[in-house]
Amino acid sequence: MLKLDHTNLVILPGMPRAGTTTIFAWLARHPQIFAPWRKEPTYFSQNFGKGESWYRRFYAGLGPDQIGIDASTEYFVNPLSPERMIAFDPKLRAILIVRDPVDWVISLYARIRRVAATGPFEEFIQGFHYSRGGGGLQVKMGPGFVIRQIDLFRQAFRQNVLLIDFRLIAADPLRVLTAIEQFIGIPAYFADSGVQALRLNSRTERTMGPVEWLMTREPVLSILGSIVPSKVMAGLRQRYERGMATTEDDRPVEAPGQRALAERIFGEDRRLVCRLFEDAPIILGDGQPFGAPVAPPARLGHG
């Protein structure tokens, strides 16, 4: 059986709508990173009942000197995920991108409405049901949700989780990738090769209609994964991501009143997230700055 543990696996648990897809696409270019054909196996969430052997098969092509990545952003909204990851391996490492909670919930709502039926924003902000065509997940949000989820990862992983301010991805992507290389212990690559200036999963991404829907359906992915070679599936995933890519900024699309409601519900979460990155835009789970100090981006809620 394939050995899969903290020595060759890193989790990118979100936040959803916080640049995880872009980070995944960038990291996939590193020769010592193994990016499975399925970016989001969601094993530690909706697919947990399928067992470890099901999960390990996505990393069957993992080389002896490579690190596999799992970028299932659903993990962030499932309070059971951090505990399941630590049970899998107490020394497992995670990289969490943290976004302004107000912008995040508006962007998340716009995204989920594209791929699944959901109610009005007033209901969504308190909680929602999400399914990829499998078992489904009931997410309870409301005031304090974002900071509670962040704290779950910090408490579970301690110094084995790297927290990155979402705004740094646009402001200094090379700084982000260099920190990730240092954190997971792989040789520097991006300083010489450069960083592709693309953002994936932004609000201005191109809609791909039925293809986009199919790529988010669990039964479809399971069938394709069982009959199509993994290299072919990886190529399809890359084509799908390139088709969705944009170089434009990700500003949440919002209806009248959404921002005021989001600020009322998640205002305290925003304040606590701002405090989290007061000293540095990249920190460990214990709050200590990580990597070379750089000037933090503009304060949350401005611009």
Foldseek 3Di string as FASTA:
>chain_A
DDDDAQLAEEEAQEQPVQQLVQVLVFVCPDPQEDEFLQQAPVCLHQVVVVDDVVVCVSCPVHDPRHHYYRYHNVLLQDLRRLVSNCVVPLQHAYEYEDEQQLQVLLLVVVVCVVQHDDDDSVVVQQWTWDDLQGDIDTGGHWAPSNVVSLLSNLVSNPQRYKYFYSVCCVVPVLVVVVLVCVSSVHDDDCVPVPRDQKGFSAPPFDDPPPVVNLSSHPVSCVVCPVPPDRVVSSVVSVVVRVNRIDNDDRGRDDDPPSSVVSCVGYVVVSVVVQVLQVQARMAGSVSHHTDDGDDDDDGPPDD
